[in-house]
Amino acid sequence: MHAFVDESFEGDYVVAVVTAADGHVTAHRAAMRRLFRRGQSRIHFKKENDARRGQILAGIAALDLTVRVYVTDNGRTARRACLERMVPDLAELGVTRLVLERDDAVVEADRRMLFELTGKQSADLEYRHLRASEDPLLCVADAVAWCYAKGGRWRQLISVFTTVIRV
């Protein structure tokens, strides 16, 4: 299993985690690339118009993915709280590769924290920080995090394929 993570901190702190079976990752990446517009290296959900967002969500819903959203109050320890809850869940799911969208401000802290958390779980979990343009499945996590944070109809649209975990 592979996991792809992005966050939003508009209001609550939201971490979206998308998991896919190893044998399906290549096909899911190809499906997401087909949703890119000509010249796009990634989909950044907040920059899309509503019609396009609907099209992208329909494409995501058609994929065989497991999607979880970890939510907590926004604050200094929010990221740690979400990761502390997420890592054991990923270990239980059998995730062996974790890809987090790269935010240069948190990479070193994440590495230290993930080293500590995976050791506590005895998890065989490889983790990497990549730019959204480097893996199209990070676009799924971006879309889900945006929809949850936005609320209203956007949160309702993802509710059919998303489990929410309050941290």
C-alpha atoms as a PDB file:
ATOM      1  CA  MET A   1       0.000   0.000   0.000  1.00  0.00           C
ATOM      2  CA  HIS A   2       1.039   3.559  -0.755  1.00  0.00           C
ATOM      3  CA  ALA A   3      -0.226   6.693   1.007  1.00  0.00           C
ATOM      4  CA  PHE A   4      -0.285  10.269  -0.286  1.00  0.00           C
ATOM      5  CA  VAL A   5      -0.713  13.200   2.092  1.00  0.00           C
ATOM      6  CA  ASP A   6      -1.557  16.880   1.836  1.00  0.00           C
ATOM      7  CA  GLU A   7      -2.845  19.368   4.359  1.00  0.00           C
ATOM      8  CA  SER A   8      -4.990  22.449   4.728  1.00  0.00           C
ATOM      9  CA  PHE A   9      -4.981  24.817   7.630  1.00  0.00           C
ATOM     10  CA  GLU A  10      -7.809  27.132   6.714  1.00  0.00           C
ATOM     11  CA  GLY A  11      -9.882  27.006   9.907  1.00  0.00           C
ATOM     12  CA  ASP A  12      -9.220  23.570  11.381  1.00  0.00           C
ATOM     13  CA  TYR A  13      -5.994  21.744  10.600  1.00  0.00           C
ATOM     14  CA  VAL A  14      -6.809  19.060   8.017  1.00  0.00           C
ATOM     15  CA  VAL A  15      -4.597  16.229   6.806  1.00  0.00           C
ATOM     16  CA  ALA A  16      -5.938  14.259   3.832  1.00  0.00           C
ATOM     17  CA  VAL A  17      -4.509  10.771   3.334  1.00  0.00           C
ATOM     18  CA  VAL A  18      -5.161   8.802   0.164  1.00  0.00           C
ATOM     19  CA  THR A  19      -4.140   5.142   0.102  1.00  0.00           C
ATOM     20  CA  ALA A  20      -3.864   2.866  -2.903  1.00  0.00           C
ATOM     21  CA  ALA A  21      -2.778  -0.714  -3.374  1.00  0.00           C
ATOM     22  CA  ASP A  22       0.690  -1.049  -4.860  1.00  0.00           C
ATOM     23  CA  GLY A  23      -0.630  -2.822  -7.950  1.00  0.00           C
ATOM     24  CA  HIS A  24      -3.031   0.046  -8.749  1.00  0.00           C
ATOM     25  CA  VAL A  25      -0.790   3.062  -8.173  1.00  0.00           C
ATOM     26  CA  THR A  26       0.474   3.292 -11.771  1.00  0.00           C
ATOM     27  CA  ALA A  27      -3.057   3.111 -13.202  1.00  0.00           C
ATOM     28  CA  HIS A  28      -4.307   5.710 -10.696  1.00  0.00           C
ATOM     29  CA  ARG A  29      -1.464   8.063 -11.610  1.00  0.00           C
ATOM     30  CA  ALA A  30      -2.339   7.691 -15.282  1.00  0.00           C
ATOM     31  CA  ALA A  31      -6.019   8.381 -14.548  1.00  0.00           C
ATOM     32  CA  MET A  32      -5.107  11.552 -12.675  1.00  0.00           C
ATOM     33  CA  ARG A  33      -2.767  12.705 -15.461  1.00  0.00           C
ATOM     34  CA  ARG A  34      -5.685  12.379 -17.907  1.00  0.00           C
ATOM     35  CA  LEU A  35      -7.491  14.977 -15.799  1.00  0.00           C
ATOM     36  CA  PHE A  36      -4.664  17.486 -16.236  1.00  0.00           C
ATOM     37  CA  ARG A  37      -5.254  20.238 -18.748  1.00  0.00           C
ATOM     38  CA  ARG A  38      -2.742  20.678 -21.520  1.00  0.00           C
ATOM     39  CA  GLY A  39       0.406  22.186 -20.070  1.00  0.00           C
ATOM     40  CA  GLN A  40      -0.538  21.470 -16.433  1.00  0.00           C
ATOM     41  CA  SER A  41       2.124  19.751 -14.350  1.00  0.00           C
ATOM     42  CA  ARG A  42      -0.342  19.305 -11.484  1.00  0.00           C
ATOM     43  CA  ILE A  43      -3.858  20.059 -10.370  1.00  0.00           C
ATOM     44  CA  HIS A  44      -4.011  22.683  -7.640  1.00  0.00           C
ATOM     45  CA  PHE A  45      -7.621  22.414  -6.554  1.00  0.00           C
ATOM     46  CA  LYS A  46      -8.046  25.914  -5.153  1.00  0.00           C
ATOM     47  CA  LYS A  47      -7.053  27.380  -8.526  1.00  0.00           C
ATOM     48  CA  GLU A  48      -9.683  25.428 -10.485  1.00  0.00           C
ATOM     49  CA  ASN A  49     -13.181  26.718 -11.238  1.00  0.00           C
ATOM     50  CA  ASP A  50     -16.226  24.984  -9.785  1.00  0.00           C
ATOM     51  CA  ALA A  51     -17.136  23.081 -12.960  1.00  0.00           C
ATOM     52  CA  ARG A  52     -13.615  21.744 -13.229  1.00  0.00           C
ATOM     53  CA  ARG A  53     -13.585  20.832  -9.542  1.00  0.00           C
ATOM     54  CA  GLY A  54     -16.688  18.736 -10.088  1.00  0.00           C
ATOM     55  CA  GLN A  55     -15.050  16.972 -13.031  1.00  0.00           C
ATOM     56  CA  ILE A  56     -11.920  16.246 -10.987  1.00  0.00           C
ATOM     57  CA  LEU A  57     -13.932  14.913  -8.034  1.00  0.00           C
ATOM     58  CA  ALA A  58     -15.882  12.614 -10.355  1.00  0.00           C
ATOM     59  CA  GLY A  59     -12.572  11.259 -11.647  1.00  0.00           C
ATOM     60  CA  ILE A  60     -11.282  10.730  -8.108  1.00  0.00           C
ATOM     61  CA  ALA A  61     -14.497   8.999  -7.018  1.00  0.00           C
ATOM     62  CA  ALA A  62     -14.079   6.494  -9.870  1.00  0.00           C
ATOM     63  CA  LEU A  63     -10.686   5.350  -8.546  1.00  0.00           C
ATOM     64  CA  ASP A  64     -10.248   2.496  -6.079  1.00  0.00           C
ATOM     65  CA  LEU A  65      -8.787   4.595  -3.283  1.00  0.00           C
ATOM     66  CA  THR A  66      -9.216   4.752   0.472  1.00  0.00           C
ATOM     67  CA  VAL A  67      -9.431   8.321   1.708  1.00  0.00           C
ATOM     68  CA  ARG A  68      -9.154   9.527   5.292  1.00  0.00           C
ATOM     69  CA  VAL A  69      -9.200  13.039   6.667  1.00  0.00           C
ATOM     70  CA  TYR A  70      -7.622  13.767  10.042  1.00  0.00           C
ATOM     71  CA  VAL A  71      -8.946  16.962  11.608  1.00  0.00           C
ATOM     72  CA  THR A  72      -7.870  18.869  14.679  1.00  0.00           C
ATOM     73  CA  ASP A  73      -7.881  22.417  15.973  1.00  0.00           C
ATOM     74  CA  ASN A  74      -5.328  24.564  14.234  1.00  0.00           C
ATOM     75  CA  GLY A  75      -2.355  25.273  16.469  1.00  0.00           C
ATOM     76  CA  ARG A  76       1.339  24.704  16.997  1.00  0.00           C
ATOM     77  CA  THR A  77       0.973  20.979  17.705  1.00  0.00           C
ATOM     78  CA  ALA A  78      -1.731  20.233  15.107  1.00  0.00           C
ATOM     79  CA  ARG A  79       0.581  18.594  12.563  1.00  0.00           C
ATOM     80  CA  ARG A  80       2.168  16.380  15.186  1.00  0.00           C
ATOM     81  CA  ALA A  81      -1.230  15.358  16.577  1.00  0.00           C
ATOM     82  CA  CYS A  82      -2.441  14.327  13.123  1.00  0.00           C
ATOM     83  CA  LEU A  83       0.751  12.431  12.277  1.00  0.00           C
ATOM     84  CA  GLU A  84       0.703  10.654  15.647  1.00  0.00           C
ATOM     85  CA  ARG A  85      -2.779   9.386  14.855  1.00  0.00           C
ATOM     86  CA  MET A  86      -2.119   8.742  11.163  1.00  0.00           C
ATOM     87  CA  VAL A  87       1.085   6.643  11.372  1.00  0.00           C
ATOM     88  CA  PRO A  88      -0.429   3.801  13.448  1.00  0.00           C
ATOM     89  CA  ASP A  89      -3.437   3.765  11.110  1.00  0.00           C
ATOM     90  CA  LEU A  90      -1.139   3.493   8.086  1.00  0.00           C
ATOM     91  CA  ALA A  91       0.840   0.698   9.752  1.00  0.00           C
ATOM     92  CA  GLU A  92      -2.421  -1.161  10.393  1.00  0.00           C
ATOM     93  CA  LEU A  93      -3.395  -0.759   6.727  1.00  0.00           C
ATOM     94  CA  GLY A  94      -0.033  -2.185   5.644  1.00  0.00           C
ATOM     95  CA  VAL A  95       1.231   1.022   4.048  1.00  0.00           C
ATOM     96  CA  THR A  96       4.906   0.718   3.133  1.00  0.00           C
ATOM     97  CA  ARG A  97       5.384   3.967   1.192  1.00  0.00           C
ATOM     98  CA  LEU A  98       4.264   7.368   2.450  1.00  0.00           C
ATOM     99  CA  VAL A  99       4.494  10.426   0.192  1.00  0.00           C
ATOM    100  CA  LEU A 100       3.901  13.830   1.755  1.00  0.00           C
ATOM    101  CA  GLU A 101       3.530  16.995  -0.270  1.00  0.00           C
ATOM    102  CA  ARG A 102       6.753  18.882   0.208  1.00  0.00           C
ATOM    103  CA  ASP A 103       6.667  22.004   2.347  1.00  0.00           C
ATOM    104  CA  ASP A 104      10.274  23.036   2.869  1.00  0.00           C
ATOM    105  CA  ALA A 105       9.379  24.638   6.210  1.00  0.00           C
ATOM    106  CA  VAL A 106       8.449  21.271   7.779  1.00  0.00           C
ATOM    107  CA  VAL A 107      10.582  18.660   6.002  1.00  0.00           C
ATOM    108  CA  GLU A 108      13.253  18.313   8.694  1.00  0.00           C
ATOM    109  CA  ALA A 109      10.749  18.321  11.557  1.00  0.00           C
ATOM    110  CA  ASP A 110       8.647  15.740   9.677  1.00  0.00           C
ATOM    111  CA  ARG A 111      11.653  13.481   9.157  1.00  0.00           C
ATOM    112  CA  ARG A 112      12.494  13.520  12.862  1.00  0.00           C
ATOM    113  CA  MET A 113       8.867  12.982  13.851  1.00  0.00           C
ATOM    114  CA  LEU A 114       8.253  10.200  11.311  1.00  0.00           C
ATOM    115  CA  PHE A 115      11.466   8.442  12.338  1.00  0.00           C
ATOM    116  CA  GLU A 116      10.240   8.495  15.942  1.00  0.00           C
ATOM    117  CA  LEU A 117       6.655   7.482  15.113  1.00  0.00           C
ATOM    118  CA  THR A 118       7.539   4.647  12.747  1.00  0.00           C
ATOM    119  CA  GLY A 119       9.971   3.293  15.332  1.00  0.00           C
ATOM    120  CA  LYS A 120       7.208   3.219  17.948  1.00  0.00           C
ATOM    121  CA  GLN A 121       5.013   1.249  15.555  1.00  0.00           C
ATOM    122  CA  SER A 122       7.826  -0.999  14.345  1.00  0.00           C
ATOM    123  CA  ALA A 123       6.475   0.056  10.970  1.00  0.00           C
ATOM    124  CA  ASP A 124       8.354  -0.686   7.773  1.00  0.00           C
ATOM    125  CA  LEU A 125       7.349   2.653   6.327  1.00  0.00           C
ATOM    126  CA  GLU A 126       9.438   4.504   3.757  1.00  0.00           C
ATOM    127  CA  TYR A 127       8.544   8.196   3.660  1.00  0.00           C
ATOM    128  CA  ARG A 128       9.366  10.895   1.151  1.00  0.00           C
ATOM    129  CA  HIS A 129       8.508  14.525   0.599  1.00  0.00           C
ATOM    130  CA  LEU A 130       7.697  15.339  -3.033  1.00  0.00           C
ATOM    131  CA  ARG A 131       6.363  18.359  -4.857  1.00  0.00           C
ATOM    132  CA  ALA A 132       2.783  17.990  -6.123  1.00  0.00           C
ATOM    133  CA  SER A 133       4.097  18.024  -9.687  1.00  0.00           C
ATOM    134  CA  GLU A 134       6.229  14.946  -8.930  1.00  0.00           C
ATOM    135  CA  ASP A 135       3.333  12.578  -8.173  1.00  0.00           C
ATOM    136  CA  PRO A 136      -0.201  13.092  -9.519  1.00  0.00           C
ATOM    137  CA  LEU A 137      -1.738  11.222  -6.572  1.00  0.00           C
ATOM    138  CA  LEU A 138      -0.742  14.108  -4.331  1.00  0.00           C
ATOM    139  CA  CYS A 139      -3.372  16.067  -6.315  1.00  0.00           C
ATOM    140  CA  VAL A 140      -6.042  13.769  -4.883  1.00  0.00           C
ATOM    141  CA  ALA A 141      -4.968  14.572  -1.323  1.00  0.00           C
ATOM    142  CA  ASP A 142      -4.875  18.275  -2.234  1.00  0.00           C
ATOM    143  CA  ALA A 143      -8.433  18.124  -3.605  1.00  0.00           C
ATOM    144  CA  VAL A 144      -9.799  16.277  -0.583  1.00  0.00           C
ATOM    145  CA  ALA A 145      -8.076  18.580   1.924  1.00  0.00           C
ATOM    146  CA  TRP A 146      -9.415  21.642   0.076  1.00  0.00           C
ATOM    147  CA  CYS A 147     -12.966  20.262  -0.079  1.00  0.00           C
ATOM    148  CA  TYR A 148     -13.032  19.354   3.593  1.00  0.00           C
ATOM    149  CA  ALA A 149     -11.630  22.735   4.654  1.00  0.00           C
ATOM    150  CA  LYS A 150     -14.039  24.602   2.371  1.00  0.00           C
ATOM    151  CA  GLY A 151     -17.031  22.821   3.895  1.00  0.00           C
ATOM    152  CA  GLY A 152     -20.592  22.989   2.606  1.00  0.00           C
ATOM    153  CA  ARG A 153     -21.323  21.227  -0.654  1.00  0.00           C
ATOM    154  CA  TRP A 154     -17.628  20.492  -1.234  1.00  0.00           C
ATOM    155  CA  ARG A 155     -17.377  18.533   1.989  1.00  0.00           C
ATOM    156  CA  GLN A 156     -20.625  16.779   1.105  1.00  0.00           C
ATOM    157  CA  LEU A 157     -19.242  15.730  -2.299  1.00  0.00           C
ATOM    158  CA  ILE A 158     -16.238  13.971  -0.778  1.00  0.00           C
ATOM    159  CA  SER A 159     -18.201  12.441   2.105  1.00  0.00           C
ATOM    160  CA  VAL A 160     -19.221   9.456  -0.045  1.00  0.00           C
ATOM    161  CA  PHE A 161     -15.606   8.244  -0.296  1.00  0.00           C
ATOM    162  CA  THR A 162     -13.969   9.818   2.775  1.00  0.00           C
ATOM    163  CA  THR A 163     -13.685   8.763   6.415  1.00  0.00           C
ATOM    164  CA  VAL A 164     -13.197  11.645   8.848  1.00  0.00           C
ATOM    165  CA  ILE A 165     -11.172  11.144  12.019  1.00  0.00           C
ATOM    166  CA  ARG A 166     -11.282  13.855  14.667  1.00  0.00           C
ATOM    167  CA  VAL A 167      -7.943  14.064  16.494  1.00  0.00           C
END
